[in-house]
Amino acid sequence: MNQDDFNLVTEARIDKLRTGLAVKGAEYAPVDKLSNFKKAALFRGITPEDALMGMVIKHITALDDFIGDLTKGSTITGEEYKKWDEKIGDTMAYGVLLDGLIVERMNND
């Protein structure tokens, strides 16, 4: 992939990430964007970061399965790409949310 095409992919992903975080944030956590991880942590007796990791592993596992399918010779169609797109985007969103948890923890310590 040349640099211009890669830049287009990058910008499209950043736009999707920004939109997804806004939409899902409004749906799941309208006030404290990190509240679901804090609630899950309390429920399970773990840290919010551990709670987030448990959730992100689901998406990483799905991506690993998708990659395994490629190794076995499957192809990616436009319809198939929608599954990839969602899992890639969700995984990246969890990275941003983890960053938020870490920054909040750092500022509170």
N, C-alpha and C. Protein backbone atom coordinates (compact mmCIF):
# COMPACT_ATOMS: atom_id res chain seq x y z
N MET A 1 0.86 -1.18 0.00
CA MET A 1 0.00 0.00 0.00
C MET A 1 0.90 1.23 0.00
N ASN A 2 0.61 2.15 -0.90
CA ASN A 2 1.42 3.37 -0.94
C ASN A 2 0.99 4.33 0.17
N GLN A 3 1.80 5.36 0.38
CA GLN A 3 1.58 6.29 1.49
C GLN A 3 0.25 7.02 1.38
N ASP A 4 -0.13 7.44 0.19
CA ASP A 4 -1.41 8.15 0.03
C ASP A 4 -2.59 7.26 0.40
N ASP A 5 -2.58 6.02 -0.06
CA ASP A 5 -3.66 5.09 0.28
C ASP A 5 -3.67 4.80 1.78
N PHE A 6 -2.49 4.64 2.36
CA PHE A 6 -2.40 4.38 3.81
C PHE A 6 -2.94 5.57 4.59
N ASN A 7 -2.64 6.77 4.14
CA ASN A 7 -3.16 7.97 4.81
C ASN A 7 -4.68 8.00 4.77
N LEU A 8 -5.25 7.59 3.64
CA LEU A 8 -6.72 7.53 3.54
C LEU A 8 -7.30 6.51 4.51
N VAL A 9 -6.68 5.34 4.61
CA VAL A 9 -7.13 4.32 5.55
C VAL A 9 -7.03 4.85 6.98
N THR A 10 -5.92 5.51 7.29
CA THR A 10 -5.71 6.05 8.63
C THR A 10 -6.76 7.09 8.98
N GLU A 11 -7.00 8.02 8.08
CA GLU A 11 -7.98 9.07 8.35
C GLU A 11 -9.39 8.50 8.49
N ALA A 12 -9.72 7.54 7.65
CA ALA A 12 -11.05 6.91 7.75
C ALA A 12 -11.20 6.21 9.10
N ARG A 13 -10.16 5.51 9.54
CA ARG A 13 -10.22 4.80 10.82
C ARG A 13 -10.36 5.79 11.97
N ILE A 14 -9.60 6.88 11.94
CA ILE A 14 -9.68 7.89 13.00
C ILE A 14 -11.08 8.49 13.06
N ASP A 15 -11.66 8.76 11.90
CA ASP A 15 -13.04 9.29 11.87
C ASP A 15 -14.02 8.29 12.46
N LYS A 16 -13.90 7.01 12.08
CA LYS A 16 -14.78 5.97 12.62
C LYS A 16 -14.59 5.84 14.13
N LEU A 17 -13.36 5.91 14.58
CA LEU A 17 -13.06 5.78 16.00
C LEU A 17 -13.69 6.93 16.79
N ARG A 18 -13.51 8.13 16.30
CA ARG A 18 -14.07 9.32 16.96
C ARG A 18 -15.60 9.21 17.03
N THR A 19 -16.22 8.85 15.92
CA THR A 19 -17.68 8.72 15.88
C THR A 19 -18.16 7.60 16.78
N GLY A 20 -17.49 6.46 16.71
CA GLY A 20 -17.89 5.32 17.53
C GLY A 20 -17.79 5.61 19.02
N LEU A 21 -16.71 6.26 19.44
CA LEU A 21 -16.56 6.60 20.85
C LEU A 21 -17.65 7.56 21.30
N ALA A 22 -18.02 8.49 20.46
CA ALA A 22 -19.07 9.44 20.81
C ALA A 22 -20.43 8.76 20.90
N VAL A 23 -20.76 7.94 19.92
CA VAL A 23 -22.07 7.28 19.90
C VAL A 23 -22.19 6.27 21.03
N LYS A 24 -21.20 5.38 21.14
CA LYS A 24 -21.26 4.36 22.20
C LYS A 24 -21.11 4.99 23.57
N GLY A 25 -20.33 6.06 23.68
CA GLY A 25 -20.19 6.74 24.96
C GLY A 25 -21.50 7.32 25.44
N ALA A 26 -22.24 7.89 24.53
CA ALA A 26 -23.55 8.45 24.89
C ALA A 26 -24.52 7.35 25.30
N GLU A 27 -24.39 6.19 24.66
CA GLU A 27 -25.29 5.07 24.95
C GLU A 27 -24.93 4.38 26.26
N TYR A 28 -23.65 4.09 26.46
CA TYR A 28 -23.22 3.29 27.60
C TYR A 28 -22.88 4.09 28.84
N ALA A 29 -22.34 5.28 28.66
CA ALA A 29 -21.84 6.05 29.81
C ALA A 29 -21.96 7.54 29.52
N PRO A 30 -23.16 8.09 29.69
CA PRO A 30 -23.35 9.50 29.32
C PRO A 30 -22.59 10.51 30.18
N VAL A 31 -22.25 10.17 31.42
CA VAL A 31 -21.56 11.13 32.29
C VAL A 31 -20.09 10.77 32.42
N ASP A 32 -19.79 9.68 33.10
CA ASP A 32 -18.41 9.22 33.27
C ASP A 32 -18.14 8.18 32.19
N LYS A 33 -17.33 8.52 31.23
CA LYS A 33 -17.07 7.64 30.08
C LYS A 33 -16.39 6.34 30.49
N LEU A 34 -15.89 6.27 31.69
CA LEU A 34 -15.18 5.08 32.16
C LEU A 34 -15.98 4.29 33.19
N SER A 35 -17.22 4.70 33.43
CA SER A 35 -18.01 4.12 34.51
C SER A 35 -18.26 2.63 34.36
N ASN A 36 -18.45 2.14 33.14
CA ASN A 36 -18.71 0.71 32.99
C ASN A 36 -17.54 -0.15 33.44
N PHE A 37 -16.33 0.32 33.22
CA PHE A 37 -15.15 -0.43 33.66
C PHE A 37 -15.02 -0.37 35.18
N LYS A 38 -15.37 0.76 35.75
CA LYS A 38 -15.33 0.91 37.21
C LYS A 38 -16.39 0.03 37.87
N LYS A 39 -17.58 -0.02 37.29
CA LYS A 39 -18.66 -0.86 37.83
C LYS A 39 -18.30 -2.34 37.70
N ALA A 40 -17.80 -2.73 36.54
CA ALA A 40 -17.40 -4.12 36.34
C ALA A 40 -16.29 -4.50 37.31
N ALA A 41 -15.38 -3.58 37.56
CA ALA A 41 -14.28 -3.84 38.49
C ALA A 41 -14.80 -4.07 39.90
N LEU A 42 -15.72 -3.24 40.33
CA LEU A 42 -16.30 -3.40 41.67
C LEU A 42 -17.04 -4.73 41.77
N PHE A 43 -17.79 -5.05 40.75
CA PHE A 43 -18.57 -6.28 40.73
C PHE A 43 -17.67 -7.50 40.85
N ARG A 44 -16.51 -7.45 40.19
CA ARG A 44 -15.62 -8.61 40.14
C ARG A 44 -14.46 -8.54 41.12
N GLY A 45 -14.30 -7.41 41.82
CA GLY A 45 -13.20 -7.29 42.76
C GLY A 45 -11.84 -7.16 42.09
N ILE A 46 -11.82 -6.46 40.95
CA ILE A 46 -10.58 -6.26 40.19
C ILE A 46 -10.43 -4.77 39.89
N THR A 47 -9.37 -4.40 39.20
CA THR A 47 -9.20 -3.00 38.83
C THR A 47 -10.00 -2.70 37.56
N PRO A 48 -10.31 -1.43 37.35
CA PRO A 48 -10.99 -1.06 36.11
C PRO A 48 -10.17 -1.46 34.87
N GLU A 49 -8.86 -1.38 34.98
CA GLU A 49 -8.00 -1.76 33.86
C GLU A 49 -8.12 -3.26 33.57
N ASP A 50 -8.19 -4.07 34.62
CA ASP A 50 -8.41 -5.51 34.42
C ASP A 50 -9.77 -5.78 33.80
N ALA A 51 -10.78 -5.04 34.24
CA ALA A 51 -12.12 -5.21 33.68
C ALA A 51 -12.11 -4.88 32.19
N LEU A 52 -11.46 -3.79 31.83
CA LEU A 52 -11.35 -3.42 30.42
C LEU A 52 -10.63 -4.52 29.64
N MET A 53 -9.56 -5.03 30.19
CA MET A 53 -8.79 -6.05 29.48
C MET A 53 -9.64 -7.29 29.21
N GLY A 54 -10.46 -7.66 30.17
CA GLY A 54 -11.34 -8.80 29.97
C GLY A 54 -12.29 -8.57 28.81
N MET A 55 -12.74 -7.33 28.66
CA MET A 55 -13.66 -7.01 27.57
C MET A 55 -12.94 -6.95 26.21
N VAL A 56 -11.74 -6.41 26.20
CA VAL A 56 -11.01 -6.27 24.93
C VAL A 56 -10.53 -7.63 24.42
N ILE A 57 -10.29 -8.56 25.32
CA ILE A 57 -9.82 -9.88 24.90
C ILE A 57 -10.84 -10.54 23.97
N LYS A 58 -12.13 -10.28 24.20
CA LYS A 58 -13.17 -10.84 23.33
C LYS A 58 -12.95 -10.40 21.88
N HIS A 59 -12.62 -9.14 21.68
CA HIS A 59 -12.42 -8.62 20.33
C HIS A 59 -11.10 -9.12 19.74
N ILE A 60 -10.07 -9.21 20.55
CA ILE A 60 -8.79 -9.73 20.07
C ILE A 60 -8.93 -11.20 19.67
N THR A 61 -9.69 -11.95 20.45
CA THR A 61 -9.93 -13.35 20.12
C THR A 61 -10.66 -13.49 18.79
N ALA A 62 -11.65 -12.63 18.57
CA ALA A 62 -12.37 -12.66 17.29
C ALA A 62 -11.42 -12.33 16.14
N LEU A 63 -10.57 -11.34 16.31
CA LEU A 63 -9.60 -11.00 15.26
C LEU A 63 -8.64 -12.15 15.01
N ASP A 64 -8.24 -12.81 16.07
CA ASP A 64 -7.36 -13.97 15.92
C ASP A 64 -8.06 -15.06 15.10
N ASP A 65 -9.33 -15.27 15.36
CA ASP A 65 -10.11 -16.24 14.57
C ASP A 65 -10.18 -15.82 13.11
N PHE A 66 -10.42 -14.53 12.86
CA PHE A 66 -10.49 -14.03 11.49
C PHE A 66 -9.16 -14.27 10.77
N ILE A 67 -8.06 -13.99 11.46
CA ILE A 67 -6.73 -14.17 10.88
C ILE A 67 -6.49 -15.66 10.61
N GLY A 68 -6.95 -16.50 11.51
CA GLY A 68 -6.84 -17.95 11.29
C GLY A 68 -7.58 -18.37 10.04
N ASP A 69 -8.74 -17.77 9.80
CA ASP A 69 -9.50 -18.07 8.58
C ASP A 69 -8.72 -17.66 7.33
N LEU A 70 -8.04 -16.50 7.40
CA LEU A 70 -7.21 -16.07 6.27
C LEU A 70 -6.10 -17.07 6.00
N THR A 71 -5.49 -17.56 7.08
CA THR A 71 -4.41 -18.53 6.96
C THR A 71 -4.90 -19.79 6.25
N LYS A 72 -6.17 -20.11 6.48
CA LYS A 72 -6.75 -21.30 5.85
C LYS A 72 -7.24 -21.02 4.43
N GLY A 73 -7.06 -19.78 3.96
CA GLY A 73 -7.40 -19.47 2.57
C GLY A 73 -8.66 -18.69 2.34
N SER A 74 -9.35 -18.26 3.39
CA SER A 74 -10.57 -17.49 3.16
C SER A 74 -10.22 -16.13 2.58
N THR A 75 -11.20 -15.52 1.95
CA THR A 75 -11.03 -14.19 1.38
C THR A 75 -11.92 -13.21 2.12
N ILE A 76 -11.65 -11.94 1.90
CA ILE A 76 -12.44 -10.90 2.57
C ILE A 76 -13.24 -10.15 1.52
N THR A 77 -14.55 -10.23 1.63
CA THR A 77 -15.44 -9.48 0.75
C THR A 77 -15.86 -8.20 1.46
N GLY A 78 -16.58 -7.35 0.76
CA GLY A 78 -17.09 -6.13 1.37
C GLY A 78 -17.96 -6.42 2.57
N GLU A 79 -18.80 -7.43 2.46
CA GLU A 79 -19.68 -7.80 3.58
C GLU A 79 -18.85 -8.37 4.73
N GLU A 80 -17.89 -9.21 4.39
CA GLU A 80 -17.02 -9.81 5.40
C GLU A 80 -16.19 -8.74 6.11
N TYR A 81 -15.79 -7.71 5.37
CA TYR A 81 -14.97 -6.65 5.95
C TYR A 81 -15.70 -5.92 7.09
N LYS A 82 -17.02 -5.89 7.04
CA LYS A 82 -17.77 -5.22 8.11
C LYS A 82 -17.45 -5.82 9.47
N LYS A 83 -17.28 -7.15 9.54
CA LYS A 83 -16.92 -7.80 10.81
C LYS A 83 -15.53 -7.38 11.25
N TRP A 84 -14.60 -7.38 10.30
CA TRP A 84 -13.23 -6.93 10.60
C TRP A 84 -13.25 -5.48 11.10
N ASP A 85 -13.96 -4.64 10.36
CA ASP A 85 -14.03 -3.21 10.67
C ASP A 85 -14.51 -2.97 12.09
N GLU A 86 -15.56 -3.70 12.48
CA GLU A 86 -16.12 -3.53 13.82
C GLU A 86 -15.12 -3.96 14.90
N LYS A 87 -14.50 -5.11 14.72
CA LYS A 87 -13.56 -5.62 15.73
C LYS A 87 -12.31 -4.77 15.81
N ILE A 88 -11.80 -4.32 14.67
CA ILE A 88 -10.63 -3.44 14.68
C ILE A 88 -10.97 -2.14 15.39
N GLY A 89 -12.11 -1.56 15.04
CA GLY A 89 -12.53 -0.31 15.66
C GLY A 89 -12.76 -0.45 17.15
N ASP A 90 -13.42 -1.51 17.57
CA ASP A 90 -13.66 -1.72 18.99
C ASP A 90 -12.35 -1.90 19.75
N THR A 91 -11.42 -2.63 19.17
CA THR A 91 -10.13 -2.84 19.83
C THR A 91 -9.39 -1.52 19.99
N MET A 92 -9.42 -0.70 18.97
CA MET A 92 -8.78 0.62 19.07
C MET A 92 -9.48 1.50 20.10
N ALA A 93 -10.80 1.43 20.14
CA ALA A 93 -11.55 2.22 21.12
C ALA A 93 -11.17 1.82 22.54
N TYR A 94 -10.99 0.52 22.78
CA TYR A 94 -10.56 0.08 24.11
C TYR A 94 -9.19 0.63 24.44
N GLY A 95 -8.33 0.80 23.46
CA GLY A 95 -7.03 1.42 23.70
C GLY A 95 -7.18 2.85 24.18
N VAL A 96 -8.07 3.60 23.57
CA VAL A 96 -8.33 4.98 23.98
C VAL A 96 -8.94 5.00 25.39
N LEU A 97 -9.87 4.10 25.64
CA LEU A 97 -10.50 4.04 26.96
C LEU A 97 -9.49 3.63 28.03
N LEU A 98 -8.59 2.72 27.71
CA LEU A 98 -7.53 2.35 28.65
C LEU A 98 -6.65 3.56 28.94
N ASP A 99 -6.34 4.32 27.92
CA ASP A 99 -5.56 5.53 28.11
C ASP A 99 -6.28 6.47 29.09
N GLY A 100 -7.60 6.60 28.92
CA GLY A 100 -8.38 7.42 29.85
C GLY A 100 -8.30 6.93 31.27
N LEU A 101 -8.40 5.60 31.47
CA LEU A 101 -8.27 5.04 32.82
C LEU A 101 -6.91 5.32 33.41
N ILE A 102 -5.86 5.18 32.62
CA ILE A 102 -4.51 5.40 33.10
C ILE A 102 -4.27 6.87 33.45
N VAL A 103 -4.72 7.77 32.58
CA VAL A 103 -4.56 9.20 32.85
C VAL A 103 -5.34 9.59 34.11
N GLU A 104 -6.56 9.06 34.24
CA GLU A 104 -7.36 9.37 35.43
C GLU A 104 -6.67 8.85 36.69
N ARG A 105 -6.15 7.62 36.62
CA ARG A 105 -5.45 7.04 37.77
C ARG A 105 -4.23 7.89 38.13
N MET A 106 -3.46 8.28 37.12
CA MET A 106 -2.26 9.08 37.34
C MET A 106 -2.61 10.42 37.99
N ASN A 107 -3.69 11.03 37.54
CA ASN A 107 -4.09 12.32 38.08
C ASN A 107 -4.67 12.23 39.48
N ASN A 108 -5.20 11.06 39.85
CA ASN A 108 -5.78 10.86 41.18
C ASN A 108 -4.76 10.38 42.20
N ASP A 109 -3.62 9.89 41.74
CA ASP A 109 -2.58 9.40 42.68
C ASP A 109 -1.72 10.51 43.20
